[in-house]
Amino acid sequence: MSWNPTRRHFLRASAAIAGAGLLQACGTSSTSKPTVNRTPARSQTVPPRSQTARSGDNVLRVVAPSGFAESYDRVNVGLTRLYNAGFTVTNQQAGSRRYQRFAGTDTERINDFQEVATGRVKTPKVLMGLRGGYGAARLLPSIDFASLGERMRERGTLFIGFSDVCAVQLALLAKGNMMSFAGPMVYSEFGKPDPSVYTMDSFIRGTTNSVNTIDVAAIQRSDVNVEGTLWGGNLSVLASLAGSPYMPDIDGGILFIEDVGEQPYRIERMLNTLHLAGILQKQRAIIFGDFRMGTIRDIYDSSYDLSAVINQISRVTRVPVLSGFPFGHITNKATFPLGAHAKVRSTGNGGYSVTFSGYPTLQAASLSLDALLPPPMPVYEPASYNTIIEEVIE
């Protein structure tokens, strides 16, 4: 005999679902959106979530070597989100600075790093870039990378950023022999109203696990089985540093590159600069991240695309070239070390994996990193057969 739940049972279940939604809307979730302060102030601090004492091991210093933040509201969202994750955020004024197109004068931006290098401020556990843009290369001659690298090694500091910020990361590796991390930044990712779950989860795993593996499912042209120091960053920045003392000299490494909005021939030209400088042929593999080309096509030959560039670079360098690595100017990006040891292995499905080791990490137990993730969706178990029968009988 067929049967249906009574109207009373239906209304009871509906009320439970509506109530759960209302509670979330009222902010009962532990990861509700932070309050935004709409009044920029150079001395402003992030409002504390609680008055409990925090570990001095989790100081995060904002550094802004490149472009200024267009929205202070978004900066404040990012700072607050990081505070709620357990970090003690310092040098917050970097988020409200502006001089011309930069996040402050050259002197102000240099001091973001020099205050650490000279010991004027205690070496933080994390240095995190504000955003990309342009301007970091202007600062390089004025930063004491040897001292900065020594203090960071002693402290186990994680320097996190990408895009134009990688100019400082490359110089730190070249002159200070100190690794850093490709990963999300204060304004670019943490300041979003709804950050990518993949990006936040990858940030947690990439900074707290002593060994981390990133799998790439994209089918590759050939098998690869290599290991070495993985380094690199934004291709435009790399090409601009070629021949300078701020370009790392990595022999037998694995070069990672990404960029945004460049035509294929310009990508090839920058890679050719690195090839003519003797850099590419010294690598054991070259890994392409995302170049976010969208509808960009070569105006003379639309078939001359990124794939054609990869084929050309692989042919002239005789170095394995891999693609599809989840990083770049994209929503879903991984977090991984630059300057650490990496093993690259082909997988059975035609893709590959990269396993990183030997880099500094955060102590997850002293932080609240789960606050970076959205709350889990409630699971509503269907009523059991006996419960439904009881409802019908009533």
Foldseek 3Di string as FASTA:
>chain_A
DDDDFDPVVVVVVVVVVVVVVVCVVVPPDLQPQDDFDQDDDLPDDQDAPDDDDADQQQEEEEAWQAFADPGVSLLNSLRNLVVSFRHNYPSSSLNVADDPGGSHDLVVRLCSQQCPLVVVDQDHQEYFYAAHHDGNLVNLVVHQLQSSLVNCVVSQHAYEEAHRCCLVQLLNCLRRVHKHKYADGRRQASSDRQADQLRLVLVQCAFADQKDKDWFLDAFPDWDWAKDAEAEGELVSQLVCQPHSSHHQGAAAEYEYEAEQDEQVVSLVSVVSCVVSVNLLRYQEYEYEYHHNVPHADPVDRVSHNVVSLVVSCVVSVHHYYYHQADDSDRRHHMHMHGFMWIWGQDPSNIIMIMTHDGRHDNSVSTNSCSSHDDDDDDDDDDDPVVSVVSVVD
